[in-house]
Amino acid sequence: MTHDLAREITTMSRSERAAILFEEIITNDRPELADHVFAADFSWPQFDLHGPDGVRTWVRAFRTAFPDMEDHVVEQVEQGDLVVTRVRCEGTQTGAFRGLPPSGQRADFTAIGIDRFGDDDMIVERSAWFDIADLMRQLGHTTLEVPAVDRP
């Protein structure tokens, strides 16, 4: 994508905007783009995160655990104010992630993101799901210690 991506985002479809999180903000480490995709009142209830800064908090934690993470959109479904995105995630776990200590192993897993858009075509709410058991298997983890935190 071009250097002027922030300007291009305003003309994108909702599906294209949702893809920015995965293919630009995460994969290309472009956290500044969160301001152009996520509303100021954005909420990610799973992690008690809010606004574009909340997105950046989550992305920093994810990229700290998987610094070489590449997310690729596989398919999307857009209906009304919702976009559902299936993403292929590939990366090496060199940091702790969701209670899993660093393994040094590479993982290739699927995640599903559900984004709700506001009237201004900014994402106002998100939820995300992935198979933690499959991820643990790939990373060589046999036990999971659930962290005593509710944030990334």
N, C-alpha and C. Protein backbone atom coordinates (compact mmCIF):
# COMPACT_ATOMS: atom_id res chain seq x y z
N MET A 1 0.84 -1.17 0.00
CA MET A 1 0.00 0.00 0.00
C MET A 1 0.89 1.25 0.00
N THR A 2 0.32 2.31 -0.43
CA THR A 2 1.11 3.52 -0.63
C THR A 2 1.40 4.25 0.67
N HIS A 3 2.31 5.20 0.56
CA HIS A 3 2.68 6.04 1.70
C HIS A 3 1.49 6.86 2.19
N ASP A 4 0.58 7.19 1.28
CA ASP A 4 -0.59 7.99 1.63
C ASP A 4 -1.77 7.13 2.05
N LEU A 5 -1.51 5.98 2.63
CA LEU A 5 -2.57 5.06 3.01
C LEU A 5 -3.59 5.70 3.94
N ALA A 6 -3.15 6.52 4.88
CA ALA A 6 -4.08 7.17 5.81
C ALA A 6 -5.14 7.95 5.04
N ARG A 7 -4.75 8.61 3.97
CA ARG A 7 -5.70 9.37 3.16
C ARG A 7 -6.60 8.43 2.36
N GLU A 8 -6.04 7.32 1.86
CA GLU A 8 -6.81 6.36 1.07
C GLU A 8 -7.88 5.65 1.89
N ILE A 9 -7.66 5.48 3.19
CA ILE A 9 -8.59 4.75 4.04
C ILE A 9 -9.99 5.35 3.98
N THR A 10 -10.08 6.66 3.83
CA THR A 10 -11.40 7.32 3.84
C THR A 10 -12.28 6.87 2.68
N THR A 11 -11.70 6.33 1.61
CA THR A 11 -12.49 5.89 0.46
C THR A 11 -12.68 4.38 0.43
N MET A 12 -12.18 3.68 1.40
CA MET A 12 -12.25 2.22 1.40
C MET A 12 -13.61 1.71 1.89
N SER A 13 -13.95 0.49 1.46
CA SER A 13 -15.14 -0.18 1.97
C SER A 13 -14.89 -0.58 3.42
N ARG A 14 -15.94 -0.98 4.11
CA ARG A 14 -15.79 -1.42 5.50
C ARG A 14 -14.90 -2.66 5.57
N SER A 15 -15.04 -3.58 4.64
CA SER A 15 -14.19 -4.78 4.64
C SER A 15 -12.72 -4.40 4.48
N GLU A 16 -12.45 -3.49 3.57
CA GLU A 16 -11.06 -3.04 3.37
C GLU A 16 -10.52 -2.37 4.63
N ARG A 17 -11.35 -1.58 5.29
CA ARG A 17 -10.93 -0.91 6.52
C ARG A 17 -10.61 -1.94 7.61
N ALA A 18 -11.48 -2.95 7.75
CA ALA A 18 -11.23 -3.99 8.76
C ALA A 18 -9.92 -4.71 8.48
N ALA A 19 -9.59 -4.92 7.22
CA ALA A 19 -8.36 -5.61 6.84
C ALA A 19 -7.11 -4.82 7.23
N ILE A 20 -7.23 -3.51 7.36
CA ILE A 20 -6.08 -2.66 7.72
C ILE A 20 -5.46 -3.11 9.05
N LEU A 21 -6.30 -3.52 10.03
CA LEU A 21 -5.76 -3.98 11.31
C LEU A 21 -4.77 -5.10 11.09
N PHE A 22 -5.13 -6.07 10.29
CA PHE A 22 -4.31 -7.27 10.11
C PHE A 22 -3.12 -7.03 9.18
N GLU A 23 -3.40 -6.49 8.01
CA GLU A 23 -2.39 -6.43 6.97
C GLU A 23 -1.47 -5.22 7.05
N GLU A 24 -1.86 -4.21 7.79
CA GLU A 24 -1.01 -3.02 7.94
C GLU A 24 -0.60 -2.77 9.39
N ILE A 25 -1.59 -2.62 10.28
CA ILE A 25 -1.27 -2.26 11.66
C ILE A 25 -0.46 -3.37 12.33
N ILE A 26 -0.86 -4.64 12.16
CA ILE A 26 -0.11 -5.75 12.78
C ILE A 26 1.08 -6.15 11.91
N THR A 27 0.82 -6.61 10.68
CA THR A 27 1.88 -7.18 9.85
C THR A 27 2.98 -6.17 9.52
N ASN A 28 2.59 -4.97 9.15
CA ASN A 28 3.59 -3.96 8.76
C ASN A 28 3.93 -2.99 9.88
N ASP A 29 3.46 -3.30 11.11
CA ASP A 29 3.77 -2.50 12.30
C ASP A 29 3.49 -1.01 12.06
N ARG A 30 2.23 -0.72 11.70
CA ARG A 30 1.81 0.66 11.43
C ARG A 30 0.74 1.09 12.43
N PRO A 31 1.07 1.15 13.74
CA PRO A 31 0.06 1.47 14.75
C PRO A 31 -0.59 2.84 14.58
N GLU A 32 0.06 3.76 13.90
CA GLU A 32 -0.50 5.09 13.70
C GLU A 32 -1.79 5.04 12.87
N LEU A 33 -1.97 3.99 12.10
CA LEU A 33 -3.17 3.87 11.26
C LEU A 33 -4.42 3.57 12.08
N ALA A 34 -4.26 3.16 13.33
CA ALA A 34 -5.43 2.89 14.19
C ALA A 34 -6.31 4.12 14.30
N ASP A 35 -5.74 5.30 14.27
CA ASP A 35 -6.51 6.54 14.36
C ASP A 35 -7.45 6.74 13.17
N HIS A 36 -7.16 6.08 12.05
CA HIS A 36 -7.95 6.25 10.83
C HIS A 36 -8.96 5.12 10.61
N VAL A 37 -8.92 4.10 11.48
CA VAL A 37 -9.79 2.93 11.33
C VAL A 37 -10.73 2.76 12.52
N PHE A 38 -10.24 3.09 13.73
CA PHE A 38 -11.00 2.86 14.96
C PHE A 38 -11.50 4.19 15.53
N ALA A 39 -12.78 4.21 15.91
CA ALA A 39 -13.40 5.41 16.45
C ALA A 39 -12.82 5.78 17.81
N ALA A 40 -12.93 7.04 18.17
CA ALA A 40 -12.45 7.49 19.48
C ALA A 40 -13.16 6.75 20.60
N ASP A 41 -14.42 6.38 20.39
CA ASP A 41 -15.18 5.65 21.42
C ASP A 41 -15.18 4.14 21.18
N PHE A 42 -14.23 3.65 20.40
CA PHE A 42 -14.09 2.21 20.12
C PHE A 42 -13.98 1.41 21.42
N SER A 43 -14.56 0.22 21.41
CA SER A 43 -14.51 -0.67 22.57
C SER A 43 -14.18 -2.10 22.14
N TRP A 44 -13.27 -2.73 22.87
CA TRP A 44 -12.93 -4.15 22.69
C TRP A 44 -13.18 -4.80 24.04
N PRO A 45 -14.45 -5.17 24.32
CA PRO A 45 -14.84 -5.64 25.65
C PRO A 45 -14.04 -6.84 26.17
N GLN A 46 -13.62 -7.75 25.30
CA GLN A 46 -12.85 -8.92 25.74
C GLN A 46 -11.64 -8.53 26.56
N PHE A 47 -11.00 -7.44 26.19
CA PHE A 47 -9.75 -7.03 26.82
C PHE A 47 -9.87 -5.70 27.55
N ASP A 48 -11.09 -5.17 27.65
CA ASP A 48 -11.33 -3.89 28.29
C ASP A 48 -10.43 -2.80 27.70
N LEU A 49 -10.38 -2.76 26.36
CA LEU A 49 -9.58 -1.77 25.65
C LEU A 49 -10.50 -0.77 24.97
N HIS A 50 -10.03 0.48 24.88
CA HIS A 50 -10.86 1.55 24.35
C HIS A 50 -10.06 2.47 23.44
N GLY A 51 -10.73 2.94 22.39
CA GLY A 51 -10.14 3.90 21.47
C GLY A 51 -8.96 3.33 20.69
N PRO A 52 -8.43 4.12 19.76
CA PRO A 52 -7.27 3.69 19.00
C PRO A 52 -6.07 3.33 19.88
N ASP A 53 -5.92 4.00 21.03
CA ASP A 53 -4.82 3.65 21.94
C ASP A 53 -4.98 2.24 22.49
N GLY A 54 -6.21 1.80 22.71
CA GLY A 54 -6.46 0.43 23.14
C GLY A 54 -6.03 -0.57 22.09
N VAL A 55 -6.29 -0.26 20.82
CA VAL A 55 -5.85 -1.13 19.72
C VAL A 55 -4.33 -1.20 19.72
N ARG A 56 -3.67 -0.06 19.87
CA ARG A 56 -2.21 -0.04 19.88
C ARG A 56 -1.65 -0.84 21.06
N THR A 57 -2.31 -0.79 22.20
CA THR A 57 -1.89 -1.57 23.37
C THR A 57 -1.92 -3.06 23.04
N TRP A 58 -3.01 -3.51 22.42
CA TRP A 58 -3.14 -4.92 22.07
C TRP A 58 -2.11 -5.32 21.02
N VAL A 59 -1.93 -4.50 20.00
CA VAL A 59 -0.98 -4.82 18.93
C VAL A 59 0.44 -4.89 19.49
N ARG A 60 0.81 -3.98 20.38
CA ARG A 60 2.15 -4.02 20.99
C ARG A 60 2.36 -5.34 21.73
N ALA A 61 1.35 -5.77 22.51
CA ALA A 61 1.46 -7.03 23.26
C ALA A 61 1.58 -8.22 22.30
N PHE A 62 0.78 -8.21 21.25
CA PHE A 62 0.80 -9.31 20.26
C PHE A 62 2.14 -9.36 19.54
N ARG A 63 2.63 -8.19 19.10
CA ARG A 63 3.91 -8.16 18.37
C ARG A 63 5.11 -8.38 19.30
N THR A 64 4.96 -8.12 20.58
CA THR A 64 6.03 -8.46 21.53
C THR A 64 6.13 -9.97 21.66
N ALA A 65 5.00 -10.65 21.65
CA ALA A 65 4.99 -12.12 21.73
C ALA A 65 5.41 -12.75 20.41
N PHE A 66 4.99 -12.15 19.29
CA PHE A 66 5.26 -12.67 17.95
C PHE A 66 5.81 -11.53 17.08
N PRO A 67 7.08 -11.16 17.23
CA PRO A 67 7.60 -9.99 16.53
C PRO A 67 7.62 -10.12 15.00
N ASP A 68 7.61 -11.35 14.50
CA ASP A 68 7.61 -11.55 13.05
C ASP A 68 6.22 -11.90 12.52
N MET A 69 5.18 -11.58 13.28
CA MET A 69 3.81 -11.95 12.92
C MET A 69 3.40 -11.37 11.57
N GLU A 70 2.81 -12.23 10.77
CA GLU A 70 2.20 -11.81 9.51
C GLU A 70 0.76 -12.29 9.52
N ASP A 71 -0.16 -11.36 9.38
CA ASP A 71 -1.59 -11.67 9.30
C ASP A 71 -2.05 -11.45 7.87
N HIS A 72 -2.76 -12.43 7.34
CA HIS A 72 -3.27 -12.34 5.97
C HIS A 72 -4.76 -12.61 5.97
N VAL A 73 -5.53 -11.69 5.43
CA VAL A 73 -6.97 -11.88 5.34
C VAL A 73 -7.25 -13.00 4.34
N VAL A 74 -8.02 -13.99 4.80
CA VAL A 74 -8.39 -15.12 3.95
C VAL A 74 -9.76 -14.89 3.34
N GLU A 75 -10.71 -14.43 4.16
CA GLU A 75 -12.04 -14.12 3.64
C GLU A 75 -12.75 -13.17 4.58
N GLN A 76 -13.70 -12.46 4.02
CA GLN A 76 -14.50 -11.53 4.79
C GLN A 76 -15.96 -11.60 4.35
N VAL A 77 -16.83 -11.36 5.31
CA VAL A 77 -18.26 -11.25 5.04
C VAL A 77 -18.72 -9.92 5.64
N GLU A 78 -19.37 -9.13 4.83
CA GLU A 78 -19.86 -7.83 5.28
C GLU A 78 -21.38 -7.82 5.19
N GLN A 79 -22.02 -7.50 6.29
CA GLN A 79 -23.48 -7.40 6.30
C GLN A 79 -23.88 -6.27 7.23
N GLY A 80 -24.56 -5.30 6.68
CA GLY A 80 -24.98 -4.15 7.47
C GLY A 80 -23.77 -3.46 8.08
N ASP A 81 -23.80 -3.28 9.41
CA ASP A 81 -22.69 -2.59 10.07
C ASP A 81 -21.61 -3.55 10.58
N LEU A 82 -21.70 -4.84 10.22
CA LEU A 82 -20.72 -5.84 10.69
C LEU A 82 -19.83 -6.34 9.57
N VAL A 83 -18.56 -6.58 9.92
CA VAL A 83 -17.62 -7.25 9.03
C VAL A 83 -16.98 -8.38 9.84
N VAL A 84 -17.07 -9.59 9.29
CA VAL A 84 -16.42 -10.75 9.90
C VAL A 84 -15.23 -11.11 9.01
N THR A 85 -14.06 -11.24 9.64
CA THR A 85 -12.83 -11.49 8.90
C THR A 85 -12.15 -12.74 9.43
N ARG A 86 -11.82 -13.66 8.50
CA ARG A 86 -11.01 -14.83 8.86
C ARG A 86 -9.59 -14.53 8.43
N VAL A 87 -8.65 -14.70 9.36
CA VAL A 87 -7.27 -14.30 9.15
C VAL A 87 -6.34 -15.48 9.39
N ARG A 88 -5.34 -15.62 8.55
CA ARG A 88 -4.26 -16.59 8.78
C ARG A 88 -3.13 -15.84 9.46
N CYS A 89 -2.72 -16.33 10.62
CA CYS A 89 -1.68 -15.69 11.42
C CYS A 89 -0.47 -16.60 11.46
N GLU A 90 0.70 -16.07 11.10
CA GLU A 90 1.93 -16.85 11.10
C GLU A 90 3.01 -16.05 11.82
N GLY A 91 3.65 -16.68 12.82
CA GLY A 91 4.71 -16.00 13.53
C GLY A 91 5.40 -16.89 14.53
N THR A 92 6.54 -16.43 15.02
CA THR A 92 7.36 -17.16 15.99
C THR A 92 7.16 -16.54 17.36
N GLN A 93 6.83 -17.37 18.34
CA GLN A 93 6.57 -16.87 19.69
C GLN A 93 7.89 -16.71 20.45
N THR A 94 8.31 -15.46 20.61
CA THR A 94 9.53 -15.18 21.37
C THR A 94 9.23 -14.44 22.67
N GLY A 95 7.95 -14.15 22.91
CA GLY A 95 7.53 -13.48 24.14
C GLY A 95 6.28 -14.15 24.69
N ALA A 96 5.92 -13.80 25.91
CA ALA A 96 4.72 -14.37 26.53
C ALA A 96 3.47 -13.90 25.80
N PHE A 97 2.46 -14.79 25.73
CA PHE A 97 1.20 -14.45 25.08
C PHE A 97 0.05 -15.16 25.76
N ARG A 98 -0.88 -14.37 26.33
CA ARG A 98 -2.09 -14.89 26.94
C ARG A 98 -1.82 -16.04 27.91
N GLY A 99 -0.79 -15.92 28.72
CA GLY A 99 -0.46 -16.94 29.71
C GLY A 99 0.49 -18.01 29.22
N LEU A 100 0.89 -17.96 27.95
CA LEU A 100 1.83 -18.93 27.40
C LEU A 100 3.24 -18.35 27.40
N PRO A 101 4.18 -19.00 28.08
CA PRO A 101 5.55 -18.48 28.09
C PRO A 101 6.18 -18.59 26.70
N PRO A 102 7.24 -17.81 26.42
CA PRO A 102 7.90 -17.88 25.12
C PRO A 102 8.35 -19.31 24.80
N SER A 103 8.16 -19.73 23.55
CA SER A 103 8.53 -21.09 23.16
C SER A 103 9.62 -21.13 22.10
N GLY A 104 9.77 -20.03 21.34
CA GLY A 104 10.71 -20.04 20.23
C GLY A 104 10.19 -20.80 19.03
N GLN A 105 8.96 -21.30 19.12
CA GLN A 105 8.36 -22.09 18.03
C GLN A 105 7.52 -21.19 17.12
N ARG A 106 7.40 -21.66 15.89
CA ARG A 106 6.59 -20.95 14.90
C ARG A 106 5.18 -21.53 14.89
N ALA A 107 4.19 -20.67 14.72
CA ALA A 107 2.79 -21.10 14.67
C ALA A 107 2.12 -20.54 13.42
N ASP A 108 1.15 -21.28 12.94
CA ASP A 108 0.34 -20.90 11.79
C ASP A 108 -1.10 -21.22 12.19
N PHE A 109 -1.86 -20.18 12.56
CA PHE A 109 -3.20 -20.42 13.10
C PHE A 109 -4.21 -19.45 12.50
N THR A 110 -5.47 -19.76 12.71
CA THR A 110 -6.57 -18.95 12.19
C THR A 110 -7.21 -18.16 13.31
N ALA A 111 -7.56 -16.92 13.01
CA ALA A 111 -8.31 -16.09 13.95
C ALA A 111 -9.52 -15.52 13.22
N ILE A 112 -10.56 -15.23 13.98
CA ILE A 112 -11.77 -14.61 13.44
C ILE A 112 -11.98 -13.29 14.18
N GLY A 113 -12.15 -12.23 13.44
CA GLY A 113 -12.46 -10.92 14.01
C GLY A 113 -13.85 -10.48 13.59
N ILE A 114 -14.59 -9.93 14.52
CA ILE A 114 -15.93 -9.40 14.23
C ILE A 114 -15.91 -7.92 14.60
N ASP A 115 -16.09 -7.08 13.59
CA ASP A 115 -16.03 -5.63 13.78
C ASP A 115 -17.37 -4.99 13.47
N ARG A 116 -17.80 -4.10 14.35
CA ARG A 116 -19.03 -3.33 14.14
C ARG A 116 -18.63 -1.89 13.83
N PHE A 117 -19.23 -1.37 12.77
CA PHE A 117 -18.92 -0.02 12.30
C PHE A 117 -19.99 0.97 12.71
N GLY A 118 -19.58 2.20 12.96
CA GLY A 118 -20.50 3.29 13.23
C GLY A 118 -20.90 3.97 11.93
N ASP A 119 -21.75 4.98 12.05
CA ASP A 119 -22.25 5.69 10.88
C ASP A 119 -21.15 6.38 10.08
N ASP A 120 -20.02 6.67 10.73
CA ASP A 120 -18.91 7.34 10.05
C ASP A 120 -17.92 6.36 9.44
N ASP A 121 -18.30 5.07 9.37
CA ASP A 121 -17.47 4.00 8.81
C ASP A 121 -16.18 3.77 9.57
N MET A 122 -16.19 4.09 10.86
CA MET A 122 -15.08 3.76 11.76
C MET A 122 -15.52 2.57 12.60
N ILE A 123 -14.57 1.72 12.98
CA ILE A 123 -14.90 0.57 13.82
C ILE A 123 -15.16 1.06 15.23
N VAL A 124 -16.32 0.66 15.79
CA VAL A 124 -16.71 1.09 17.13
C VAL A 124 -16.65 -0.05 18.15
N GLU A 125 -16.66 -1.30 17.67
CA GLU A 125 -16.59 -2.43 18.59
C GLU A 125 -16.00 -3.63 17.87
N ARG A 126 -15.24 -4.46 18.65
CA ARG A 126 -14.59 -5.62 18.05
C ARG A 126 -14.58 -6.76 19.02
N SER A 127 -14.62 -7.97 18.49
CA SER A 127 -14.32 -9.18 19.25
C SER A 127 -13.45 -10.06 18.36
N ALA A 128 -12.65 -10.90 18.97
CA ALA A 128 -11.73 -11.75 18.20
C ALA A 128 -11.65 -13.13 18.85
N TRP A 129 -11.52 -14.14 18.01
CA TRP A 129 -11.54 -15.52 18.49
C TRP A 129 -10.48 -16.34 17.76
N PHE A 130 -9.82 -17.22 18.50
CA PHE A 130 -8.89 -18.18 17.89
C PHE A 130 -8.87 -19.43 18.76
N ASP A 131 -8.34 -20.52 18.21
CA ASP A 131 -8.29 -21.81 18.89
C ASP A 131 -7.02 -21.89 19.73
N ILE A 132 -7.12 -21.58 21.02
CA ILE A 132 -5.95 -21.56 21.91
C ILE A 132 -5.32 -22.95 22.02
N ALA A 133 -6.13 -24.03 21.99
CA ALA A 133 -5.59 -25.39 22.10
C ALA A 133 -4.70 -25.71 20.89
N ASP A 134 -5.14 -25.33 19.69
CA ASP A 134 -4.32 -25.57 18.50
C ASP A 134 -3.04 -24.75 18.56
N LEU A 135 -3.15 -23.50 18.98
CA LEU A 135 -1.97 -22.64 19.10
C LEU A 135 -0.98 -23.24 20.10
N MET A 136 -1.49 -23.70 21.25
CA MET A 136 -0.62 -24.32 22.26
C MET A 136 0.10 -25.53 21.69
N ARG A 137 -0.62 -26.37 20.97
CA ARG A 137 -0.02 -27.57 20.37
C ARG A 137 1.13 -27.18 19.44
N GLN A 138 0.90 -26.21 18.58
CA GLN A 138 1.92 -25.79 17.63
C GLN A 138 3.15 -25.20 18.32
N LEU A 139 2.93 -24.53 19.43
CA LEU A 139 4.03 -23.88 20.14
C LEU A 139 4.72 -24.81 21.14
N GLY A 140 4.21 -26.04 21.27
CA GLY A 140 4.83 -27.01 22.17
C GLY A 140 4.42 -26.87 23.62
N HIS A 141 3.35 -26.14 23.89
CA HIS A 141 2.87 -25.97 25.26
C HIS A 141 1.88 -27.09 25.60
N THR A 142 2.03 -27.66 26.78
CA THR A 142 1.11 -28.72 27.21
C THR A 142 0.23 -28.28 28.37
N THR A 143 0.57 -27.15 28.99
CA THR A 143 -0.27 -26.61 30.07
C THR A 143 -0.42 -25.11 29.85
N LEU A 144 -1.50 -24.60 30.39
CA LEU A 144 -1.77 -23.18 30.28
C LEU A 144 -2.03 -22.63 31.67
N GLU A 145 -1.25 -21.63 32.05
CA GLU A 145 -1.51 -20.92 33.30
C GLU A 145 -2.27 -19.66 32.94
N VAL A 146 -3.51 -19.59 33.39
CA VAL A 146 -4.35 -18.45 33.05
C VAL A 146 -3.87 -17.25 33.86
N PRO A 147 -3.49 -16.18 33.17
CA PRO A 147 -2.98 -15.02 33.88
C PRO A 147 -4.07 -14.34 34.71
N ALA A 148 -3.67 -13.69 35.76
CA ALA A 148 -4.61 -13.02 36.66
C ALA A 148 -4.88 -11.59 36.18
N VAL A 149 -4.86 -11.39 34.88
CA VAL A 149 -5.15 -10.08 34.30
C VAL A 149 -6.23 -10.23 33.25
N ASP A 150 -6.94 -9.15 32.97
CA ASP A 150 -7.98 -9.20 31.95
C ASP A 150 -7.62 -8.32 30.76
N ARG A 151 -6.34 -8.03 30.61
CA ARG A 151 -5.86 -7.19 29.53
C ARG A 151 -4.78 -7.92 28.76
N PRO A 152 -4.40 -7.43 27.58
CA PRO A 152 -3.40 -8.13 26.76
C PRO A 152 -2.09 -8.27 27.39
